[in-house]
Amino acid sequence: MHRKATEFLQNWKLREDRKPLLIRGARQVGKTWLMREFGKNSFERTAYINFENNPRMAALFSGTFDLNSLLLGLQIETGTEIIPGRTLLVFDEIQEVPSALTSLKYFQEGEPGIPIIAAGSLLGVAMHSGTSFPVGKVEFLDLFPLSFPEFLLASGQAPLHDAIENLDFDLTNAFASTLKDLLKQYLFVGGMPEAVNSFVRSKDLSRVRKIQLDLLSAYEQDFSKHAPTSDVPRIRAVWNSLPAQLARENRKFIYGLVRTGARAREYELAIQWLLDCGLIHKVHRVSKPGIPLSAYRDSAAFKLYANDVGLLCASGALDPETLLLGNDLFTEFKGAVTEQFVLQQLISHAGLKPYYWSSDKGSAEVDFIMETDRKVFPLEVKASENLQAKSLKTFQTRYNPGTSFRTSLSPFRVQERLINVPLYAVHEIASVIARNWNIKEN
């Protein structure tokens, strides 16, 4: 399985100024596999330590941070000689021993030649729990479920993947029906590695759904096991409200859908806990498309999305037969499945931080607003091939952007001040923006 994050790790390994690396991500997105695979392919040896239910490591890191003693203990634990530059040191589920997280500061200062990668499904929670965090002594990599291009590679579709990556739209247009079928598969399967592996091997959607439901159940068990007892009901309520929130025409998060009469202050910690676990994405409204977008963020208005489109379909009980019914899958939940898909690709592959825009009276809304190279671009998501976009036209009239974007099932086309990017290529939108398509600027 190819993960784009491997390229980041390879560059990290070669940097002289590298620091210990923390990989953040939800349970079962492939953090352990990525670390071990990278160690196997890029180092002579890997010293792997899992801190979960490991009293020996809890005891080792409970004393002073004497690096000689720590390294000796780690060598005994793993049976692996730790040699600077030649051995990759992997700390898995590091949040289970907070002092191990603190120790990364001392490794960075005293043994910078030893490459260290650490990860944990609740790492984000640990960072906000009062642990003595090594600020400035570590760097981060966020790992997400497989993106659509990674799904293409896993499915043996490397030529189609490469055609999209090269923006060869003459070629992709010729195979548009194949790409639409692959996209429908991805919308249902999602990007959780176990679900993708199962589908690639068996093409059994019922087996995929069982894996997804088991994973959703494991997430809920994490709520009870790791969250403060008083917060668990609120966390569960927010999490379970996601399909209903996204099924609305206006997807702005409404506390009343969580519980009648609910107020923001009652659920702020629950939302933050889910964010820290990597289980949701939060997209804020901006009042205008100014630079930087963060300066125009409306902190009270936001949308919440799931971490994975396949898990959203599972939690919404989307029937596998929907996959076979034309393009119905794209319009499920009033197009929310498609919008969820686009949001994931913008974050996980394009590396963008999307916002959304709506008029003050709520009569017009643009699904995503993106900032790159000190320019702001609106992106309208269309779940079908009906390309009427009244809100985008309202936005264009009010703010006069040089170029606007739409993503839909229609082929790539360049029109006056508007580019339509096929949904199966939306992950390359940053490359499309960078390419000069002879758009007429105002």
Protein backbone atom coordinates (compact mmCIF):
# COMPACT_ATOMS: atom_id res chain seq x y z
CA MET A 1 0.00 0.00 0.00
CA HIS A 2 1.43 3.36 -1.02
CA ARG A 3 0.99 6.29 1.35
CA LYS A 4 1.86 9.83 0.34
CA ALA A 5 3.17 10.39 3.87
CA THR A 6 6.14 8.12 3.02
CA GLU A 7 7.55 10.92 0.85
CA PHE A 8 7.40 13.27 3.84
CA LEU A 9 9.21 10.69 6.00
CA GLN A 10 11.96 10.21 3.43
CA ASN A 11 12.59 13.96 3.29
CA TRP A 12 12.50 14.12 7.10
CA LYS A 13 15.15 11.40 7.34
CA LEU A 14 17.57 13.33 5.12
CA ARG A 15 17.28 16.69 6.86
CA GLU A 16 20.17 17.72 9.09
CA ASP A 17 17.85 19.77 11.30
CA ARG A 18 15.25 17.05 11.82
CA LYS A 19 13.57 16.73 15.20
CA PRO A 20 11.66 13.80 16.72
CA LEU A 21 8.52 13.37 14.65
CA LEU A 22 5.03 13.00 16.10
CA ILE A 23 2.41 11.39 13.86
CA ARG A 24 -1.13 12.39 14.76
CA GLY A 25 -4.19 10.58 13.47
CA ALA A 26 -7.34 8.69 14.40
CA ARG A 27 -7.37 5.04 15.41
CA GLN A 28 -6.67 2.65 12.52
CA VAL A 29 -5.58 5.18 9.88
CA GLY A 30 -2.31 3.28 9.44
CA LYS A 31 0.15 5.01 11.77
CA THR A 32 1.80 1.81 13.06
CA TRP A 33 2.05 0.30 9.58
CA LEU A 34 3.56 3.50 8.19
CA MET A 35 6.24 3.74 10.89
CA ARG A 36 7.25 0.09 10.70
CA GLU A 37 7.21 0.02 6.91
CA PHE A 38 9.34 3.16 6.76
CA GLY A 39 11.79 1.67 9.24
CA LYS A 40 12.01 -1.59 7.28
CA ASN A 41 12.64 0.14 3.95
CA SER A 42 14.79 3.10 5.00
CA PHE A 43 16.93 1.98 7.95
CA GLU A 44 19.21 -0.93 8.81
CA ARG A 45 17.07 -1.74 11.84
CA THR A 46 14.01 -0.53 13.73
CA ALA A 47 13.62 -0.49 17.50
CA TYR A 48 9.84 -0.62 18.00
CA ILE A 49 8.22 0.03 21.39
CA ASN A 50 4.49 -0.04 22.07
CA PHE A 51 3.69 1.84 25.28
CA GLU A 52 0.13 0.53 25.62
CA ASN A 53 -0.18 -1.79 28.64
CA ASN A 54 3.59 -1.81 29.02
CA PRO A 55 4.55 -1.49 32.71
CA ARG A 56 8.25 -1.95 31.94
CA MET A 57 8.35 1.17 29.79
CA ALA A 58 6.21 3.10 32.27
CA ALA A 59 8.80 2.27 34.94
CA LEU A 60 11.76 3.06 32.64
CA PHE A 61 10.47 6.56 31.88
CA SER A 62 9.38 7.30 35.44
CA GLY A 63 12.85 8.27 36.62
CA THR A 64 15.25 10.96 35.51
CA PHE A 65 15.78 11.49 31.80
CA ASP A 66 19.26 9.99 31.70
CA LEU A 67 19.66 9.18 28.01
CA ASN A 68 22.28 6.48 28.49
CA SER A 69 20.00 4.64 30.89
CA LEU A 70 16.96 5.12 28.64
CA LEU A 71 18.77 3.89 25.55
CA LEU A 72 20.08 0.85 27.38
CA GLY A 73 16.56 0.03 28.61
CA LEU A 74 15.14 0.47 25.10
CA GLN A 75 17.78 -1.85 23.66
CA ILE A 76 16.91 -4.49 26.27
CA GLU A 77 13.19 -4.10 25.56
CA THR A 78 13.52 -4.39 21.79
CA GLY A 79 16.60 -6.59 21.47
CA THR A 80 17.86 -4.09 18.91
CA GLU A 81 21.10 -2.11 18.99
CA ILE A 82 20.31 1.61 18.69
CA ILE A 83 22.93 3.26 16.48
CA PRO A 84 22.59 6.97 15.55
CA GLY A 85 21.63 7.41 11.90
CA ARG A 86 21.20 3.67 11.34
CA THR A 87 18.43 2.66 13.77
CA LEU A 88 14.93 4.12 13.68
CA LEU A 89 13.44 4.43 17.15
CA VAL A 90 9.64 4.06 17.09
CA PHE A 91 7.44 4.95 20.06
CA ASP A 92 3.87 3.73 19.45
CA GLU A 93 0.88 4.81 21.58
CA ILE A 94 3.24 7.23 23.29
CA GLN A 95 0.39 9.07 25.01
CA GLU A 96 0.02 6.08 27.35
CA VAL A 97 3.29 7.10 29.08
CA PRO A 98 3.27 10.92 29.22
CA SER A 99 6.85 11.06 30.50
CA ALA A 100 7.97 9.34 27.29
CA LEU A 101 6.42 12.25 25.41
CA THR A 102 8.36 14.65 27.62
CA SER A 103 11.57 12.72 27.00
CA LEU A 104 11.57 13.69 23.32
CA LYS A 105 12.94 17.08 24.36
CA TYR A 106 15.98 15.43 25.92
CA PHE A 107 16.53 13.12 22.95
CA GLN A 108 16.41 16.10 20.61
CA GLU A 109 18.91 18.04 22.70
CA GLY A 110 21.23 15.19 23.74
CA GLU A 111 20.98 12.61 20.92
CA PRO A 112 19.84 14.47 17.78
CA GLY A 113 21.46 11.81 15.59
CA ILE A 114 18.93 9.18 16.66
CA PRO A 115 15.85 9.38 14.41
CA ILE A 116 12.67 9.04 16.48
CA ILE A 117 9.09 8.72 15.27
CA ALA A 118 6.25 8.57 17.79
CA ALA A 119 2.52 8.15 17.31
CA GLY A 120 -0.72 7.57 19.15
CA SER A 121 -4.42 7.51 18.35
CA LEU A 122 -5.06 9.80 21.32
CA LEU A 123 -1.92 11.89 20.93
CA GLY A 124 -3.91 15.06 20.32
CA VAL A 125 -5.78 14.53 23.59
CA ALA A 126 -2.51 14.02 25.48
CA MET A 127 -1.15 17.28 24.07
CA HIS A 128 -4.04 19.17 25.68
CA SER A 129 -4.16 17.29 28.98
CA GLY A 130 -1.47 19.14 30.93
CA THR A 131 1.37 16.81 29.95
CA SER A 132 4.78 18.51 29.94
CA PHE A 133 4.89 18.80 26.18
CA PRO A 134 8.25 19.32 24.40
CA VAL A 135 7.25 22.56 22.66
CA GLY A 136 9.65 23.46 19.87
CA LYS A 137 11.57 20.18 20.20
CA VAL A 138 9.37 18.05 17.93
CA GLU A 139 7.68 18.30 14.55
CA PHE A 140 4.37 16.91 13.35
CA LEU A 141 2.81 14.85 10.60
CA ASP A 142 -0.96 14.45 10.41
CA LEU A 143 -2.02 11.11 8.94
CA PHE A 144 -5.50 10.73 7.47
CA PRO A 145 -7.45 7.87 5.89
CA LEU A 146 -6.33 6.97 2.38
CA SER A 147 -7.10 9.71 -0.12
CA PHE A 148 -8.72 8.91 -3.46
CA PRO A 149 -5.36 8.82 -5.31
CA GLU A 150 -4.02 6.41 -2.68
CA PHE A 151 -7.17 4.32 -3.18
CA LEU A 152 -6.49 4.26 -6.93
CA LEU A 153 -2.98 2.95 -6.33
CA ALA A 154 -4.23 0.33 -3.88
CA SER A 155 -6.77 -0.76 -6.50
CA GLY A 156 -4.09 -1.33 -9.14
CA GLN A 157 -5.02 1.79 -11.09
CA ALA A 158 -1.59 3.42 -11.27
CA PRO A 159 -1.98 4.59 -14.94
CA LEU A 160 -5.20 6.45 -14.12
CA HIS A 161 -3.60 7.85 -10.96
CA ASP A 162 -0.65 9.13 -13.00
CA ALA A 163 -2.88 10.64 -15.68
CA ILE A 164 -4.72 12.68 -13.05
CA GLU A 165 -1.48 13.67 -11.31
CA ASN A 166 -0.12 14.90 -14.66
CA LEU A 167 -3.36 16.85 -15.30
CA ASP A 168 -3.80 14.93 -18.55
CA PHE A 169 -7.50 15.68 -18.83
CA ASP A 170 -7.76 14.54 -22.46
CA LEU A 171 -6.84 11.07 -21.24
CA THR A 172 -8.97 11.12 -18.07
CA ASN A 173 -11.99 12.37 -20.03
CA ALA A 174 -11.70 9.27 -22.23
CA PHE A 175 -11.90 7.07 -19.12
CA ALA A 176 -14.41 9.20 -17.21
CA SER A 177 -16.92 6.37 -16.77
CA THR A 178 -14.23 4.11 -15.25
CA LEU A 179 -13.13 6.88 -12.91
CA LYS A 180 -16.73 7.55 -11.85
CA ASP A 181 -17.15 3.88 -10.95
CA LEU A 182 -13.92 3.94 -8.93
CA LEU A 183 -15.06 7.12 -7.23
CA LYS A 184 -18.37 5.53 -6.24
CA GLN A 185 -16.46 2.63 -4.76
CA TYR A 186 -14.32 5.03 -2.75
CA LEU A 187 -17.32 6.98 -1.46
CA PHE A 188 -18.72 3.77 0.01
CA VAL A 189 -15.49 2.07 1.10
CA GLY A 190 -13.73 5.22 2.30
CA GLY A 191 -10.06 5.34 3.16
CA MET A 192 -9.62 3.33 6.36
CA PRO A 193 -6.79 0.91 5.46
CA GLU A 194 -8.49 -2.27 6.68
CA ALA A 195 -11.66 -1.46 4.71
CA VAL A 196 -9.64 -0.66 1.58
CA ASN A 197 -7.55 -3.83 1.85
CA SER A 198 -10.67 -5.94 2.32
CA PHE A 199 -12.41 -4.39 -0.68
CA VAL A 200 -9.37 -4.70 -2.94
CA ARG A 201 -9.05 -8.39 -2.06
CA SER A 202 -12.69 -9.47 -2.08
CA LYS A 203 -14.89 -6.70 -3.56
CA ASP A 204 -17.34 -7.71 -0.78
CA LEU A 205 -19.22 -4.58 0.32
CA SER A 206 -20.93 -6.38 3.19
CA ARG A 207 -17.51 -7.28 4.62
CA VAL A 208 -16.41 -3.67 4.21
CA ARG A 209 -19.50 -2.48 6.08
CA LYS A 210 -18.79 -4.93 8.93
CA ILE A 211 -15.26 -3.52 9.27
CA GLN A 212 -16.62 0.03 9.30
CA LEU A 213 -19.22 -0.73 11.95
CA ASP A 214 -16.63 -2.47 14.13
CA LEU A 215 -14.41 0.59 13.87
CA LEU A 216 -17.27 2.94 14.77
CA SER A 217 -17.93 0.74 17.79
CA ALA A 218 -14.26 0.94 18.78
CA TYR A 219 -14.40 4.73 18.58
CA GLU A 220 -17.35 4.77 20.96
CA GLN A 221 -15.49 2.48 23.36
CA ASP A 222 -12.62 4.98 23.31
CA PHE A 223 -15.03 7.67 24.47
CA SER A 224 -15.84 5.71 27.61
CA LYS A 225 -12.30 4.50 28.20
CA HIS A 226 -10.30 7.69 27.69
CA ALA A 227 -12.55 10.75 27.96
CA PRO A 228 -13.57 12.31 31.30
CA THR A 229 -16.68 10.51 32.51
CA SER A 230 -18.71 13.72 32.65
CA ASP A 231 -17.92 14.49 28.99
CA VAL A 232 -18.70 11.06 27.52
CA PRO A 233 -22.47 11.58 26.94
CA ARG A 234 -21.81 14.89 25.19
CA ILE A 235 -19.01 13.45 23.04
CA ARG A 236 -21.24 10.57 22.01
CA ALA A 237 -24.14 12.92 21.28
CA VAL A 238 -22.05 15.19 19.03
CA TRP A 239 -20.53 12.21 17.23
CA ASN A 240 -23.89 10.55 16.61
CA SER A 241 -25.41 13.80 15.33
CA LEU A 242 -23.00 14.12 12.38
CA PRO A 243 -25.17 12.37 9.74
CA ALA A 244 -28.18 14.50 10.72
CA GLN A 245 -26.08 17.68 10.72
CA LEU A 246 -24.72 16.99 7.24
CA ALA A 247 -28.08 15.84 5.83
CA ARG A 248 -29.45 19.38 6.19
CA GLU A 249 -29.50 21.75 3.22
CA ASN A 250 -27.60 24.25 5.35
CA ARG A 251 -24.84 22.19 6.96
CA LYS A 252 -23.90 24.75 9.62
CA PHE A 253 -23.57 22.91 12.92
CA ILE A 254 -26.74 23.30 15.00
CA TYR A 255 -26.51 22.47 18.70
CA GLY A 256 -30.27 21.86 18.78
CA LEU A 257 -29.76 18.76 16.63
CA VAL A 258 -27.52 17.33 19.35
CA ARG A 259 -30.07 17.95 22.06
CA THR A 260 -33.13 20.18 22.23
CA GLY A 261 -32.18 23.39 23.99
CA ALA A 262 -28.45 22.62 23.91
CA ARG A 263 -26.02 25.53 24.22
CA ALA A 264 -22.57 25.97 22.76
CA ARG A 265 -20.72 26.07 26.08
CA GLU A 266 -22.11 22.63 27.00
CA TYR A 267 -20.54 20.95 23.96
CA GLU A 268 -17.35 22.90 23.26
CA LEU A 269 -15.16 20.42 25.17
CA ALA A 270 -16.86 17.45 23.48
CA ILE A 271 -16.16 18.90 20.04
CA GLN A 272 -12.55 19.66 20.98
CA TRP A 273 -12.05 16.09 22.25
CA LEU A 274 -13.26 14.68 18.92
CA LEU A 275 -10.98 17.10 17.06
CA ASP A 276 -7.99 16.11 19.20
CA CYS A 277 -8.66 12.44 18.41
CA GLY A 278 -8.74 13.16 14.68
CA LEU A 279 -12.32 11.91 14.39
CA ILE A 280 -13.84 15.07 12.92
CA HIS A 281 -12.91 18.08 10.81
CA LYS A 282 -14.10 21.57 11.68
CA VAL A 283 -14.63 24.08 8.86
CA HIS A 284 -15.32 27.67 9.89
CA ARG A 285 -17.31 30.31 8.07
CA VAL A 286 -15.52 33.43 6.85
CA SER A 287 -17.36 36.73 6.61
CA LYS A 288 -15.43 37.77 3.50
CA PRO A 289 -12.68 36.33 1.27
CA GLY A 290 -9.85 38.46 2.67
CA ILE A 291 -6.17 37.65 3.18
CA PRO A 292 -5.51 35.84 5.45
CA LEU A 293 -8.76 33.93 5.64
CA SER A 294 -8.16 33.21 9.32
CA ALA A 295 -8.58 36.92 10.08
CA TYR A 296 -12.19 36.76 8.84
CA ARG A 297 -13.14 33.53 10.62
CA ASP A 298 -16.51 33.45 12.34
CA SER A 299 -15.77 31.35 15.43
CA ALA A 300 -19.47 30.82 16.15
CA ALA A 301 -20.39 29.42 12.73
CA PHE A 302 -18.86 26.17 11.52
CA LYS A 303 -19.54 22.78 9.98
CA LEU A 304 -18.37 19.43 11.32
CA TYR A 305 -17.40 16.60 9.00
CA ALA A 306 -16.43 13.01 9.75
CA ASN A 307 -12.84 11.82 9.42
CA ASP A 308 -13.78 9.39 6.64
CA VAL A 309 -16.47 9.32 3.96
CA GLY A 310 -16.90 5.55 4.25
CA LEU A 311 -17.51 5.82 8.00
CA LEU A 312 -20.05 8.59 7.34
CA CYS A 313 -21.91 6.27 4.95
CA ALA A 314 -21.78 3.49 7.56
CA SER A 315 -23.01 5.69 10.41
CA GLY A 316 -25.82 6.93 8.17
CA ALA A 317 -26.73 3.31 7.29
CA LEU A 318 -26.30 3.92 3.56
CA ASP A 319 -27.35 0.73 1.76
CA PRO A 320 -24.64 -0.95 -0.34
CA GLU A 321 -27.16 -1.23 -3.18
CA THR A 322 -26.99 2.55 -3.53
CA LEU A 323 -23.57 2.04 -5.07
CA LEU A 324 -25.22 0.34 -8.04
CA LEU A 325 -27.97 2.90 -8.66
CA GLY A 326 -26.50 5.30 -11.19
CA ASN A 327 -25.17 8.43 -9.53
CA ASP A 328 -27.48 8.30 -6.49
CA LEU A 329 -24.55 7.88 -4.11
CA PHE A 330 -23.30 11.38 -4.96
CA THR A 331 -26.61 12.98 -3.96
CA GLU A 332 -27.20 11.06 -0.71
CA PHE A 333 -27.78 13.25 2.38
CA LYS A 334 -28.51 16.17 -0.02
CA GLY A 335 -25.04 15.89 -1.48
CA ALA A 336 -23.28 15.65 1.89
CA VAL A 337 -21.43 12.47 0.88
CA THR A 338 -19.86 14.31 -2.05
CA GLU A 339 -19.06 17.36 0.09
CA GLN A 340 -17.45 15.12 2.72
CA PHE A 341 -15.35 13.50 -0.01
CA VAL A 342 -14.14 16.85 -1.35
CA LEU A 343 -13.29 18.14 2.14
CA GLN A 344 -11.12 15.06 2.77
CA GLN A 345 -9.20 15.47 -0.48
CA LEU A 346 -8.56 19.16 0.13
CA ILE A 347 -7.10 18.43 3.57
CA SER A 348 -5.36 15.07 3.17
CA HIS A 349 -3.91 15.39 -0.34
CA ALA A 350 -3.95 19.03 -1.40
CA GLY A 351 -2.80 20.16 2.07
CA LEU A 352 -5.27 23.06 2.15
CA LYS A 353 -7.17 24.50 5.10
CA PRO A 354 -10.67 25.13 3.75
CA TYR A 355 -13.28 27.54 5.08
CA TYR A 356 -16.76 28.26 3.75
CA TRP A 357 -18.57 31.49 2.98
CA SER A 358 -22.20 32.44 3.43
CA SER A 359 -23.98 35.75 3.13
CA ASP A 360 -25.03 37.43 6.36
CA LYS A 361 -28.67 36.55 5.75
CA GLY A 362 -27.83 33.00 4.68
CA SER A 363 -29.34 33.34 1.21
CA ALA A 364 -26.10 32.30 -0.53
CA GLU A 365 -23.30 29.92 0.44
CA VAL A 366 -20.09 28.73 -1.20
CA ASP A 367 -19.05 25.26 -0.02
CA PHE A 368 -15.32 25.90 0.36
CA ILE A 369 -13.01 28.91 0.28
CA MET A 370 -9.29 28.19 -0.11
CA GLU A 371 -6.18 30.30 0.28
CA THR A 372 -2.96 29.57 -1.59
CA ASP A 373 -0.11 31.80 -2.79
CA ARG A 374 -1.81 34.75 -1.10
CA LYS A 375 -4.88 34.40 -3.28
CA VAL A 376 -8.36 33.25 -2.33
CA PHE A 377 -10.36 30.86 -4.49
CA PRO A 378 -14.00 29.77 -4.07
CA LEU A 379 -14.93 26.14 -4.76
CA GLU A 380 -18.52 25.06 -5.38
CA VAL A 381 -19.29 21.35 -4.99
CA LYS A 382 -21.99 19.89 -7.23
CA ALA A 383 -23.18 16.39 -6.42
CA SER A 384 -24.73 15.92 -9.87
CA GLU A 385 -24.13 17.20 -13.40
CA ASN A 386 -26.68 19.97 -12.91
CA LEU A 387 -24.21 22.85 -12.90
CA GLN A 388 -26.48 25.67 -11.74
CA ALA A 389 -24.52 27.53 -9.07
CA LYS A 390 -26.49 30.55 -7.94
CA SER A 391 -24.49 31.02 -4.73
CA LEU A 392 -21.22 31.04 -6.63
CA LYS A 393 -22.57 33.68 -8.99
CA THR A 394 -23.63 35.77 -6.00
CA PHE A 395 -20.11 35.45 -4.57
CA GLN A 396 -18.54 36.39 -7.92
CA THR A 397 -20.75 39.45 -8.26
CA ARG A 398 -20.03 40.64 -4.73
CA TYR A 399 -16.27 39.98 -4.52
CA ASN A 400 -15.15 39.71 -8.15
CA PRO A 401 -12.55 36.93 -7.73
CA GLY A 402 -10.26 36.44 -10.69
CA THR A 403 -10.90 32.70 -10.88
CA SER A 404 -13.58 30.48 -9.35
CA PHE A 405 -13.74 26.70 -9.23
CA ARG A 406 -16.47 24.13 -9.41
CA THR A 407 -16.10 20.39 -8.92
CA SER A 408 -18.69 18.00 -10.32
CA LEU A 409 -19.14 14.82 -12.35
CA SER A 410 -18.68 16.84 -15.54
CA PRO A 411 -15.36 16.78 -17.44
CA PHE A 412 -12.59 19.30 -16.97
CA ARG A 413 -13.38 22.55 -18.70
CA VAL A 414 -12.11 26.11 -18.61
CA GLN A 415 -14.71 28.84 -18.98
CA GLU A 416 -14.53 32.56 -18.48
CA ARG A 417 -13.43 33.07 -14.85
CA LEU A 418 -14.51 29.50 -13.97
CA ILE A 419 -12.76 26.12 -14.03
CA ASN A 420 -14.69 22.88 -13.61
CA VAL A 421 -12.54 20.16 -12.05
CA PRO A 422 -13.95 16.61 -12.14
CA LEU A 423 -14.62 15.18 -8.70
CA TYR A 424 -12.12 12.40 -9.33
CA ALA A 425 -9.38 15.04 -9.80
CA VAL A 426 -10.31 17.54 -7.08
CA HIS A 427 -7.34 16.40 -4.96
CA GLU A 428 -5.10 18.05 -7.59
CA ILE A 429 -6.80 21.42 -7.32
CA ALA A 430 -3.65 23.08 -5.95
CA SER A 431 -1.82 21.96 -9.10
CA VAL A 432 -4.71 23.18 -11.25
CA ILE A 433 -4.53 26.57 -9.53
CA ALA A 434 -0.78 26.74 -10.12
CA ARG A 435 -1.14 25.94 -13.85
CA ASN A 436 -1.80 28.87 -16.18
CA TRP A 437 -5.07 27.95 -17.90
CA ASN A 438 -5.41 31.37 -19.61
CA ILE A 439 -8.25 32.42 -17.35
CA LYS A 440 -9.44 35.91 -18.13
CA GLU A 441 -8.69 38.02 -15.05
CA ASN A 442 -10.56 41.19 -14.14
